[in-house]
PDB file of all heavy atoms in Angstrom:
ATOM      1  N   HIS A   1      11.246   5.412  -4.468  1.00  0.00           N
ATOM      2  CA  HIS A   1      11.295   4.933  -3.084  1.00  0.00           C
ATOM      3  C   HIS A   1      12.013   3.604  -2.977  1.00  0.00           C
ATOM      4  O   HIS A   1      12.768   3.365  -2.033  1.00  0.00           O
ATOM      5  CB  HIS A   1       9.870   4.816  -2.536  1.00  0.00           C
ATOM      6  CG  HIS A   1       9.785   4.381  -1.116  1.00  0.00           C
ATOM      7  ND1 HIS A   1       9.871   3.048  -0.737  1.00  0.00           N
ATOM      8  CD2 HIS A   1       9.615   5.082   0.041  1.00  0.00           C
ATOM      9  CE1 HIS A   1       9.765   2.963   0.580  1.00  0.00           C
ATOM     10  NE2 HIS A   1       9.611   4.173   1.074  1.00  0.00           N
ATOM     11  N   GLY A   2      11.752   2.704  -3.937  1.00  0.00           N
ATOM     12  CA  GLY A   2      12.445   1.419  -3.955  1.00  0.00           C
ATOM     13  C   GLY A   2      11.668   0.269  -3.375  1.00  0.00           C
ATOM     14  O   GLY A   2      11.871  -0.881  -3.755  1.00  0.00           O
ATOM     15  N   ASP A   3      10.763   0.553  -2.451  1.00  0.00           N
ATOM     16  CA  ASP A   3      10.000  -0.532  -1.814  1.00  0.00           C
ATOM     17  C   ASP A   3       8.709   0.050  -1.237  1.00  0.00           C
ATOM     18  O   ASP A   3       8.366  -0.191  -0.091  1.00  0.00           O
ATOM     19  CB  ASP A   3      10.844  -1.187  -0.714  1.00  0.00           C
ATOM     20  CG  ASP A   3      10.169  -2.425  -0.128  1.00  0.00           C
ATOM     21  OD1 ASP A   3       9.375  -3.057  -0.833  1.00  0.00           O
ATOM     22  OD2 ASP A   3      10.443  -2.737   1.047  1.00  0.00           O
ATOM     23  N   LEU A   4       8.006   0.820  -2.049  1.00  0.00           N
ATOM     24  CA  LEU A   4       6.858   1.555  -1.527  1.00  0.00           C
ATOM     25  C   LEU A   4       5.618   0.678  -1.445  1.00  0.00           C
ATOM     26  O   LEU A   4       5.118   0.177  -2.450  1.00  0.00           O
ATOM     27  CB  LEU A   4       6.575   2.778  -2.401  1.00  0.00           C
ATOM     28  CG  LEU A   4       5.528   3.757  -1.855  1.00  0.00           C
ATOM     29  CD1 LEU A   4       5.910   4.250  -0.459  1.00  0.00           C
ATOM     30  CD2 LEU A   4       5.365   4.940  -2.804  1.00  0.00           C
ATOM     31  N   SER A   5       5.142   0.515  -0.235  1.00  0.00           N
ATOM     32  CA  SER A   5       3.913  -0.229   0.012  1.00  0.00           C
ATOM     33  C   SER A   5       2.977   0.627   0.847  1.00  0.00           C
ATOM     34  O   SER A   5       3.365   1.679   1.366  1.00  0.00           O
ATOM     35  CB  SER A   5       4.213  -1.536   0.755  1.00  0.00           C
ATOM     36  OG  SER A   5       4.607  -1.259   2.095  1.00  0.00           O
ATOM     37  N   ALA A   6       1.747   0.171   0.996  1.00  0.00           N
ATOM     38  CA  ALA A   6       0.765   0.925   1.775  1.00  0.00           C
ATOM     39  C   ALA A   6       1.124   0.958   3.252  1.00  0.00           C
ATOM     40  O   ALA A   6       0.606   1.810   3.989  1.00  0.00           O
ATOM     41  CB  ALA A   6      -0.626   0.317   1.586  1.00  0.00           C
ATOM     42  N   ASP A   7       1.997   0.070   3.703  1.00  0.00           N
ATOM     43  CA  ASP A   7       2.444   0.092   5.100  1.00  0.00           C
ATOM     44  C   ASP A   7       3.557   1.108   5.330  1.00  0.00           C
ATOM     45  O   ASP A   7       3.954   1.324   6.475  1.00  0.00           O
ATOM     46  CB  ASP A   7       2.945  -1.297   5.521  1.00  0.00           C
ATOM     47  CG  ASP A   7       1.808  -2.287   5.697  1.00  0.00           C
ATOM     48  OD1 ASP A   7       0.669  -1.842   5.965  1.00  0.00           O
ATOM     49  OD2 ASP A   7       2.044  -3.498   5.557  1.00  0.00           O
ATOM     50  N   GLU A   8       4.060   1.708   4.249  1.00  0.00           N
ATOM     51  CA  GLU A   8       5.129   2.703   4.363  1.00  0.00           C
ATOM     52  C   GLU A   8       4.593   4.127   4.287  1.00  0.00           C
ATOM     53  O   GLU A   8       5.373   5.073   4.160  1.00  0.00           O
ATOM     54  CB  GLU A   8       6.167   2.482   3.256  1.00  0.00           C
ATOM     55  CG  GLU A   8       6.872   1.133   3.291  1.00  0.00           C
ATOM     56  CD  GLU A   8       7.871   1.018   4.419  1.00  0.00           C
ATOM     57  OE1 GLU A   8       8.048   2.002   5.169  1.00  0.00           O
ATOM     58  OE2 GLU A   8       8.482  -0.055   4.557  1.00  0.00           O
ATOM     59  N   VAL A   9       3.272   4.275   4.334  1.00  0.00           N
ATOM     60  CA  VAL A   9       2.657   5.601   4.254  1.00  0.00           C
ATOM     61  C   VAL A   9       1.711   5.778   5.439  1.00  0.00           C
ATOM     62  O   VAL A   9       0.748   5.024   5.591  1.00  0.00           O
ATOM     63  CB  VAL A   9       1.868   5.793   2.942  1.00  0.00           C
ATOM     64  CG1 VAL A   9       1.338   7.224   2.854  1.00  0.00           C
ATOM     65  CG2 VAL A   9       2.725   5.458   1.732  1.00  0.00           C
ATOM     66  N   ILE A  10       1.999   6.763   6.273  1.00  0.00           N
ATOM     67  CA  ILE A  10       1.115   7.085   7.393  1.00  0.00           C
ATOM     68  C   ILE A  10       0.109   8.137   6.935  1.00  0.00           C
ATOM     69  O   ILE A  10       0.476   9.118   6.289  1.00  0.00           O
ATOM     70  CB  ILE A  10       1.913   7.631   8.593  1.00  0.00           C
ATOM     71  CG1 ILE A  10       2.889   6.579   9.126  1.00  0.00           C
ATOM     72  CG2 ILE A  10       0.967   8.075   9.716  1.00  0.00           C
ATOM     73  CD1 ILE A  10       3.808   7.096  10.217  1.00  0.00           C
ATOM     74  N   VAL A  11      -1.145   7.897   7.254  1.00  0.00           N
ATOM     75  CA  VAL A  11      -2.185   8.878   6.949  1.00  0.00           C
ATOM     76  C   VAL A  11      -2.242   9.838   8.134  1.00  0.00           C
ATOM     77  O   VAL A  11      -2.971   9.634   9.104  1.00  0.00           O
ATOM     78  CB  VAL A  11      -3.542   8.201   6.714  1.00  0.00           C
ATOM     79  CG1 VAL A  11      -4.599   9.241   6.334  1.00  0.00           C
ATOM     80  CG2 VAL A  11      -3.422   7.136   5.617  1.00  0.00           C
ATOM     81  N   GLY A  12      -1.429  10.884   8.075  1.00  0.00           N
ATOM     82  CA  GLY A  12      -1.322  11.831   9.176  1.00  0.00           C
ATOM     83  C   GLY A  12      -2.391  12.903   9.125  1.00  0.00           C
ATOM     84  O   GLY A  12      -3.105  13.058   8.131  1.00  0.00           O
ATOM     85  N   ALA A  13      -2.473  13.658  10.198  1.00  0.00           N
ATOM     86  CA  ALA A  13      -3.480  14.718  10.281  1.00  0.00           C
ATOM     87  C   ALA A  13      -3.269  15.785   9.226  1.00  0.00           C
ATOM     88  O   ALA A  13      -4.220  16.434   8.773  1.00  0.00           O
ATOM     89  CB  ALA A  13      -3.459  15.342  11.674  1.00  0.00           C
ATOM     90  N   MET A  14      -2.013  15.991   8.811  1.00  0.00           N
ATOM     91  CA  MET A  14      -1.691  17.015   7.822  1.00  0.00           C
ATOM     92  C   MET A  14      -1.445  16.428   6.430  1.00  0.00           C
ATOM     93  O   MET A  14      -0.989  17.132   5.537  1.00  0.00           O
ATOM     94  CB  MET A  14      -0.464  17.808   8.278  1.00  0.00           C
ATOM     95  CG  MET A  14      -0.610  18.464   9.637  1.00  0.00           C
ATOM     96  SD  MET A  14      -2.003  19.611   9.704  1.00  0.00           S
ATOM     97  CE  MET A  14      -1.390  20.902   8.612  1.00  0.00           C
ATOM     98  N   GLY A  15      -1.734  15.147   6.267  1.00  0.00           N
ATOM     99  CA  GLY A  15      -1.549  14.527   4.966  1.00  0.00           C
ATOM    100  C   GLY A  15      -0.671  13.294   5.038  1.00  0.00           C
ATOM    101  O   GLY A  15      -0.225  12.890   6.118  1.00  0.00           O
ATOM    102  N   PRO A  16      -0.386  12.672   3.890  1.00  0.00           N
ATOM    103  CA  PRO A  16       0.410  11.444   3.873  1.00  0.00           C
ATOM    104  C   PRO A  16       1.868  11.687   4.249  1.00  0.00           C
ATOM    105  O   PRO A  16       2.460  12.697   3.868  1.00  0.00           O
ATOM    106  CB  PRO A  16       0.286  10.971   2.419  1.00  0.00           C
ATOM    107  CG  PRO A  16      -0.001  12.218   1.652  1.00  0.00           C
ATOM    108  CD  PRO A  16      -0.827  13.075   2.554  1.00  0.00           C
ATOM    109  N   VAL A  17       2.426  10.741   5.006  1.00  0.00           N
ATOM    110  CA  VAL A  17       3.825  10.802   5.443  1.00  0.00           C
ATOM    111  C   VAL A  17       4.502   9.515   4.982  1.00  0.00           C
ATOM    112  O   VAL A  17       4.048   8.413   5.320  1.00  0.00           O
ATOM    113  CB  VAL A  17       3.915  10.944   6.980  1.00  0.00           C
ATOM    114  CG1 VAL A  17       5.377  11.015   7.410  1.00  0.00           C
ATOM    115  CG2 VAL A  17       3.142  12.168   7.451  1.00  0.00           C
ATOM    116  N   PHE A  18       5.597   9.645   4.233  1.00  0.00           N
ATOM    117  CA  PHE A  18       6.272   8.497   3.633  1.00  0.00           C
ATOM    118  C   PHE A  18       7.482   8.085   4.469  1.00  0.00           C
ATOM    119  O   PHE A  18       8.308   8.923   4.844  1.00  0.00           O
ATOM    120  CB  PHE A  18       6.699   8.833   2.204  1.00  0.00           C
ATOM    121  CG  PHE A  18       5.547   9.050   1.265  1.00  0.00           C
ATOM    122  CD1 PHE A  18       4.875  10.272   1.238  1.00  0.00           C
ATOM    123  CD2 PHE A  18       5.124   8.035   0.424  1.00  0.00           C
ATOM    124  CE1 PHE A  18       3.800  10.478   0.379  1.00  0.00           C
ATOM    125  CE2 PHE A  18       4.049   8.235  -0.443  1.00  0.00           C
ATOM    126  CZ  PHE A  18       3.385   9.450  -0.462  1.00  0.00           C
ATOM    127  N   LEU A  19       7.588   6.782   4.723  1.00  0.00           N
ATOM    128  CA  LEU A  19       8.640   6.231   5.587  1.00  0.00           C
ATOM    129  C   LEU A  19       9.680   5.451   4.780  1.00  0.00           C
ATOM    130  O   LEU A  19       9.417   5.000   3.677  1.00  0.00           O
ATOM    131  CB  LEU A  19       8.010   5.288   6.619  1.00  0.00           C
ATOM    132  CG  LEU A  19       6.846   5.818   7.462  1.00  0.00           C
ATOM    133  CD1 LEU A  19       6.296   4.700   8.344  1.00  0.00           C
ATOM    134  CD2 LEU A  19       7.278   7.012   8.299  1.00  0.00           C
ATOM    135  N   ASP A  20      10.841   5.278   5.380  1.00  0.00           N
ATOM    136  CA  ASP A  20      11.853   4.304   4.976  1.00  0.00           C
ATOM    137  C   ASP A  20      12.308   4.439   3.520  1.00  0.00           C
ATOM    138  O   ASP A  20      11.896   3.678   2.643  1.00  0.00           O
ATOM    139  CB  ASP A  20      11.333   2.882   5.220  1.00  0.00           C
ATOM    140  CG  ASP A  20      12.418   1.835   5.053  1.00  0.00           C
ATOM    141  OD1 ASP A  20      13.598   2.209   4.932  1.00  0.00           O
ATOM    142  OD2 ASP A  20      12.089   0.628   5.041  1.00  0.00           O
ATOM    143  N   TRP A  21      13.243   5.357   3.291  1.00  0.00           N
ATOM    144  CA  TRP A  21      13.772   5.599   1.951  1.00  0.00           C
ATOM    145  C   TRP A  21      15.112   4.897   1.728  1.00  0.00           C
ATOM    146  O   TRP A  21      15.904   5.296   0.875  1.00  0.00           O
ATOM    147  CB  TRP A  21      13.923   7.102   1.722  1.00  0.00           C
ATOM    148  CG  TRP A  21      12.596   7.806   1.684  1.00  0.00           C
ATOM    149  CD1 TRP A  21      11.888   8.283   2.742  1.00  0.00           C
ATOM    150  CD2 TRP A  21      11.804   8.081   0.524  1.00  0.00           C
ATOM    151  NE1 TRP A  21      10.704   8.843   2.327  1.00  0.00           N
ATOM    152  CE2 TRP A  21      10.628   8.737   0.966  1.00  0.00           C
ATOM    153  CE3 TRP A  21      11.976   7.855  -0.850  1.00  0.00           C
ATOM    154  CZ2 TRP A  21       9.628   9.148   0.089  1.00  0.00           C
ATOM    155  CZ3 TRP A  21      10.989   8.278  -1.726  1.00  0.00           C
ATOM    156  CH2 TRP A  21       9.832   8.911  -1.254  1.00  0.00           C
ATOM    157  N   SER A  22      15.363   3.819   2.455  1.00  0.00           N
ATOM    158  CA  SER A  22      16.676   3.171   2.377  1.00  0.00           C
ATOM    159  C   SER A  22      16.950   2.528   1.016  1.00  0.00           C
ATOM    160  O   SER A  22      18.105   2.385   0.615  1.00  0.00           O
ATOM    161  CB  SER A  22      16.822   2.115   3.479  1.00  0.00           C
ATOM    162  OG  SER A  22      15.815   1.133   3.386  1.00  0.00           O
ATOM    163  N   ASP A  23      15.910   2.122   0.294  1.00  0.00           N
ATOM    164  CA  ASP A  23      16.101   1.538  -1.040  1.00  0.00           C
ATOM    165  C   ASP A  23      15.963   2.572  -2.140  1.00  0.00           C
ATOM    166  O   ASP A  23      15.878   2.223  -3.320  1.00  0.00           O
ATOM    167  CB  ASP A  23      15.072   0.421  -1.273  1.00  0.00           C
ATOM    168  CG  ASP A  23      15.387  -0.832  -0.478  1.00  0.00           C
ATOM    169  OD1 ASP A  23      16.506  -0.931   0.056  1.00  0.00           O
ATOM    170  OD2 ASP A  23      14.515  -1.710  -0.383  1.00  0.00           O
ATOM    171  N   GLY A  24      15.952   3.843  -1.777  1.00  0.00           N
ATOM    172  CA  GLY A  24      15.759   4.904  -2.756  1.00  0.00           C
ATOM    173  C   GLY A  24      16.886   4.995  -3.766  1.00  0.00           C
ATOM    174  O   GLY A  24      18.054   4.764  -3.445  1.00  0.00           O
ATOM    175  N   SER A  25      16.527   5.333  -4.999  1.00  0.00           N
ATOM    176  CA  SER A  25      17.516   5.521  -6.059  1.00  0.00           C
ATOM    177  C   SER A  25      16.973   6.540  -7.055  1.00  0.00           C
ATOM    178  O   SER A  25      15.815   6.959  -6.970  1.00  0.00           O
ATOM    179  CB  SER A  25      17.822   4.194  -6.767  1.00  0.00           C
ATOM    180  OG  SER A  25      16.664   3.709  -7.440  1.00  0.00           O
ATOM    181  N   ILE A  26      17.809   6.931  -7.998  1.00  0.00           N
ATOM    182  CA  ILE A  26      17.408   7.861  -9.044  1.00  0.00           C
ATOM    183  C   ILE A  26      17.110   7.048 -10.296  1.00  0.00           C
ATOM    184  O   ILE A  26      18.012   6.469 -10.910  1.00  0.00           O
ATOM    185  CB  ILE A  26      18.518   8.886  -9.338  1.00  0.00           C
ATOM    186  CG1 ILE A  26      18.958   9.601  -8.059  1.00  0.00           C
ATOM    187  CG2 ILE A  26      18.037   9.905 -10.376  1.00  0.00           C
ATOM    188  CD1 ILE A  26      20.231  10.422  -8.229  1.00  0.00           C
TER     189      ILE A  26
END
């Protein structure tokens, strides 16, 4: 993800949703 924090994950009704992949790399 590159910058994964607890503020980048929404606890949705169907499970966790991950936001903002702009710093993503392999």
